[in-house]
Amino acid sequence: MFPAKLQPLVFAFIMSGFMAFLMSGILTLLNLGWFSGFLSAWLQAYVVAHACAFPLVLVFAPLSRKLTTKLVKTN
């Protein structure tokens, strides 16, 4: 378990992991099609994608929160 103060970091890691996993799989399939080494290619792409996605989520999450606050009407 992690301390509560790390919640944003843990959330960003998990969310970026899910997104990188799914997007790398979809894009690997679209670009290369299904072939015998597909799973290996997908996992290699995932490692690179997650390494990029995690710091990007950390950088862009505050901007996303601010934009969401401006775009969503609250009572």
N, C-alpha and C. Protein backbone atom coordinates (compact mmCIF):
# COMPACT_ATOMS: atom_id res chain seq x y z
N MET A 1 0.83 -1.19 0.00
CA MET A 1 0.00 0.00 0.00
C MET A 1 0.88 1.25 0.00
N PHE A 2 0.33 2.29 -0.55
CA PHE A 2 1.04 3.56 -0.64
C PHE A 2 0.39 4.58 0.29
N PRO A 3 1.16 5.53 0.77
CA PRO A 3 0.56 6.60 1.58
C PRO A 3 -0.36 7.48 0.73
N ALA A 4 -1.35 8.07 1.36
CA ALA A 4 -2.36 8.87 0.66
C ALA A 4 -1.75 9.99 -0.16
N LYS A 5 -0.64 10.57 0.31
CA LYS A 5 -0.04 11.70 -0.42
C LYS A 5 0.47 11.30 -1.81
N LEU A 6 0.68 10.00 -2.03
CA LEU A 6 1.15 9.53 -3.34
C LEU A 6 0.01 9.16 -4.28
N GLN A 7 -1.23 9.36 -3.84
CA GLN A 7 -2.39 8.98 -4.66
C GLN A 7 -2.34 9.54 -6.07
N PRO A 8 -2.03 10.83 -6.29
CA PRO A 8 -1.98 11.34 -7.67
C PRO A 8 -0.90 10.64 -8.51
N LEU A 9 0.22 10.33 -7.92
CA LEU A 9 1.30 9.66 -8.64
C LEU A 9 0.91 8.22 -9.00
N VAL A 10 0.32 7.51 -8.06
CA VAL A 10 -0.11 6.13 -8.31
C VAL A 10 -1.22 6.12 -9.37
N PHE A 11 -2.17 7.04 -9.26
CA PHE A 11 -3.23 7.14 -10.25
C PHE A 11 -2.65 7.39 -11.64
N ALA A 12 -1.73 8.33 -11.75
CA ALA A 12 -1.12 8.65 -13.05
C ALA A 12 -0.39 7.44 -13.62
N PHE A 13 0.30 6.69 -12.79
CA PHE A 13 1.03 5.51 -13.25
C PHE A 13 0.07 4.45 -13.78
N ILE A 14 -1.00 4.20 -13.03
CA ILE A 14 -1.96 3.18 -13.45
C ILE A 14 -2.72 3.61 -14.69
N MET A 15 -3.20 4.85 -14.71
CA MET A 15 -3.95 5.33 -15.87
C MET A 15 -3.08 5.35 -17.12
N SER A 16 -1.86 5.84 -17.01
CA SER A 16 -0.98 5.86 -18.17
C SER A 16 -0.63 4.45 -18.61
N GLY A 17 -0.54 3.52 -17.67
CA GLY A 17 -0.28 2.13 -18.02
C GLY A 17 -1.41 1.53 -18.83
N PHE A 18 -2.65 1.73 -18.38
CA PHE A 18 -3.81 1.22 -19.12
C PHE A 18 -3.87 1.83 -20.52
N MET A 19 -3.75 3.15 -20.59
CA MET A 19 -3.85 3.82 -21.88
C MET A 19 -2.72 3.41 -22.82
N ALA A 20 -1.51 3.35 -22.32
CA ALA A 20 -0.37 2.96 -23.16
C ALA A 20 -0.54 1.52 -23.64
N PHE A 21 -1.02 0.64 -22.77
CA PHE A 21 -1.22 -0.76 -23.14
C PHE A 21 -2.23 -0.89 -24.28
N LEU A 22 -3.38 -0.24 -24.10
CA LEU A 22 -4.43 -0.34 -25.12
C LEU A 22 -4.04 0.35 -26.42
N MET A 23 -3.52 1.56 -26.32
CA MET A 23 -3.17 2.30 -27.54
C MET A 23 -2.02 1.65 -28.30
N SER A 24 -1.02 1.15 -27.59
CA SER A 24 0.09 0.50 -28.29
C SER A 24 -0.40 -0.77 -28.98
N GLY A 25 -1.32 -1.50 -28.36
CA GLY A 25 -1.87 -2.69 -29.00
C GLY A 25 -2.67 -2.36 -30.25
N ILE A 26 -3.53 -1.36 -30.13
CA ILE A 26 -4.34 -0.95 -31.28
C ILE A 26 -3.46 -0.46 -32.43
N LEU A 27 -2.50 0.39 -32.11
CA LEU A 27 -1.66 0.95 -33.17
C LEU A 27 -0.70 -0.08 -33.76
N THR A 28 -0.22 -1.00 -32.94
CA THR A 28 0.62 -2.07 -33.47
C THR A 28 -0.20 -2.93 -34.44
N LEU A 29 -1.43 -3.24 -34.07
CA LEU A 29 -2.29 -4.04 -34.94
C LEU A 29 -2.61 -3.30 -36.23
N LEU A 30 -2.94 -2.02 -36.14
CA LEU A 30 -3.27 -1.24 -37.34
C LEU A 30 -2.07 -1.09 -38.27
N ASN A 31 -0.89 -0.87 -37.70
CA ASN A 31 0.29 -0.62 -38.52
C ASN A 31 0.94 -1.88 -39.07
N LEU A 32 0.91 -2.95 -38.30
CA LEU A 32 1.63 -4.16 -38.72
C LEU A 32 0.71 -5.34 -39.04
N GLY A 33 -0.54 -5.26 -38.60
CA GLY A 33 -1.44 -6.40 -38.78
C GLY A 33 -1.07 -7.52 -37.81
N TRP A 34 -1.86 -8.59 -37.87
CA TRP A 34 -1.60 -9.74 -36.99
C TRP A 34 -0.54 -10.61 -37.64
N PHE A 35 0.52 -10.92 -36.92
CA PHE A 35 1.58 -11.79 -37.43
C PHE A 35 2.14 -12.59 -36.26
N SER A 36 3.02 -13.52 -36.53
CA SER A 36 3.48 -14.45 -35.50
C SER A 36 4.18 -13.76 -34.33
N GLY A 37 4.82 -12.64 -34.54
CA GLY A 37 5.52 -11.93 -33.47
C GLY A 37 4.75 -10.75 -32.92
N PHE A 38 3.43 -10.74 -33.15
CA PHE A 38 2.62 -9.59 -32.77
C PHE A 38 2.71 -9.27 -31.28
N LEU A 39 2.55 -10.27 -30.43
CA LEU A 39 2.55 -10.01 -28.99
C LEU A 39 3.88 -9.43 -28.51
N SER A 40 4.97 -9.92 -29.06
CA SER A 40 6.28 -9.39 -28.70
C SER A 40 6.42 -7.93 -29.16
N ALA A 41 5.98 -7.65 -30.38
CA ALA A 41 6.04 -6.28 -30.90
C ALA A 41 5.16 -5.36 -30.05
N TRP A 42 3.99 -5.85 -29.68
CA TRP A 42 3.06 -5.06 -28.86
C TRP A 42 3.69 -4.74 -27.51
N LEU A 43 4.28 -5.72 -26.86
CA LEU A 43 4.88 -5.47 -25.55
C LEU A 43 6.07 -4.53 -25.63
N GLN A 44 6.85 -4.62 -26.70
CA GLN A 44 7.95 -3.68 -26.88
C GLN A 44 7.42 -2.26 -27.06
N ALA A 45 6.36 -2.13 -27.85
CA ALA A 45 5.75 -0.81 -28.06
C ALA A 45 5.14 -0.29 -26.75
N TYR A 46 4.57 -1.19 -25.96
CA TYR A 46 3.97 -0.79 -24.69
C TYR A 46 5.01 -0.22 -23.73
N VAL A 47 6.16 -0.85 -23.64
CA VAL A 47 7.21 -0.36 -22.74
C VAL A 47 7.61 1.06 -23.10
N VAL A 48 7.79 1.31 -24.39
CA VAL A 48 8.15 2.67 -24.84
C VAL A 48 6.99 3.64 -24.60
N ALA A 49 5.78 3.20 -24.91
CA ALA A 49 4.61 4.07 -24.76
C ALA A 49 4.39 4.45 -23.30
N HIS A 50 4.54 3.49 -22.40
CA HIS A 50 4.32 3.80 -20.98
C HIS A 50 5.42 4.70 -20.45
N ALA A 51 6.63 4.48 -20.90
CA ALA A 51 7.73 5.35 -20.48
C ALA A 51 7.49 6.80 -20.92
N CYS A 52 6.80 6.99 -22.02
CA CYS A 52 6.46 8.34 -22.48
C CYS A 52 5.18 8.86 -21.81
N ALA A 53 4.19 7.98 -21.68
CA ALA A 53 2.87 8.40 -21.20
C ALA A 53 2.88 8.83 -19.73
N PHE A 54 3.62 8.13 -18.90
CA PHE A 54 3.59 8.45 -17.47
C PHE A 54 4.04 9.88 -17.18
N PRO A 55 5.22 10.30 -17.65
CA PRO A 55 5.59 11.70 -17.36
C PRO A 55 4.67 12.71 -18.05
N LEU A 56 4.13 12.35 -19.22
CA LEU A 56 3.21 13.26 -19.90
C LEU A 56 1.92 13.44 -19.10
N VAL A 57 1.42 12.36 -18.51
CA VAL A 57 0.23 12.47 -17.66
C VAL A 57 0.53 13.37 -16.47
N LEU A 58 1.69 13.22 -15.88
CA LEU A 58 2.04 14.06 -14.73
C LEU A 58 2.09 15.54 -15.12
N VAL A 59 2.58 15.82 -16.31
CA VAL A 59 2.69 17.21 -16.78
C VAL A 59 1.33 17.78 -17.17
N PHE A 60 0.52 16.98 -17.88
CA PHE A 60 -0.72 17.52 -18.44
C PHE A 60 -1.95 17.35 -17.55
N ALA A 61 -1.86 16.59 -16.49
CA ALA A 61 -3.02 16.42 -15.59
C ALA A 61 -3.49 17.74 -14.99
N PRO A 62 -2.58 18.58 -14.48
CA PRO A 62 -3.05 19.85 -13.93
C PRO A 62 -3.75 20.73 -14.98
N LEU A 63 -3.22 20.77 -16.18
CA LEU A 63 -3.86 21.54 -17.25
C LEU A 63 -5.23 20.96 -17.59
N SER A 64 -5.32 19.65 -17.64
CA SER A 64 -6.60 18.99 -17.92
C SER A 64 -7.63 19.31 -16.84
N ARG A 65 -7.20 19.31 -15.58
CA ARG A 65 -8.13 19.66 -14.48
C ARG A 65 -8.63 21.09 -14.62
N LYS A 66 -7.72 22.02 -14.94
CA LYS A 66 -8.12 23.42 -15.09
C LYS A 66 -9.09 23.59 -16.26
N LEU A 67 -8.79 22.97 -17.40
CA LEU A 67 -9.68 23.08 -18.55
C LEU A 67 -11.03 22.45 -18.26
N THR A 68 -11.04 21.33 -17.56
CA THR A 68 -12.30 20.67 -17.21
C THR A 68 -13.13 21.56 -16.31
N THR A 69 -12.50 22.20 -15.34
CA THR A 69 -13.20 23.09 -14.43
C THR A 69 -13.84 24.25 -15.20
N LYS A 70 -13.14 24.75 -16.22
CA LYS A 70 -13.70 25.84 -17.01
C LYS A 70 -14.83 25.39 -17.94
N LEU A 71 -14.76 24.15 -18.40
CA LEU A 71 -15.74 23.66 -19.37
C LEU A 71 -16.99 23.05 -18.74
N VAL A 72 -16.89 22.61 -17.51
CA VAL A 72 -18.02 21.96 -16.86
C VAL A 72 -18.73 22.94 -15.94
N LYS A 73 -20.01 23.06 -16.16
CA LYS A 73 -20.82 23.97 -15.35
C LYS A 73 -21.11 23.32 -14.00
N THR A 74 -20.81 24.02 -12.94
CA THR A 74 -21.15 23.53 -11.59
C THR A 74 -22.21 24.45 -11.00
N ASN A 75 -23.04 23.89 -10.16
CA ASN A 75 -24.13 24.68 -9.56
C ASN A 75 -23.66 25.43 -8.35
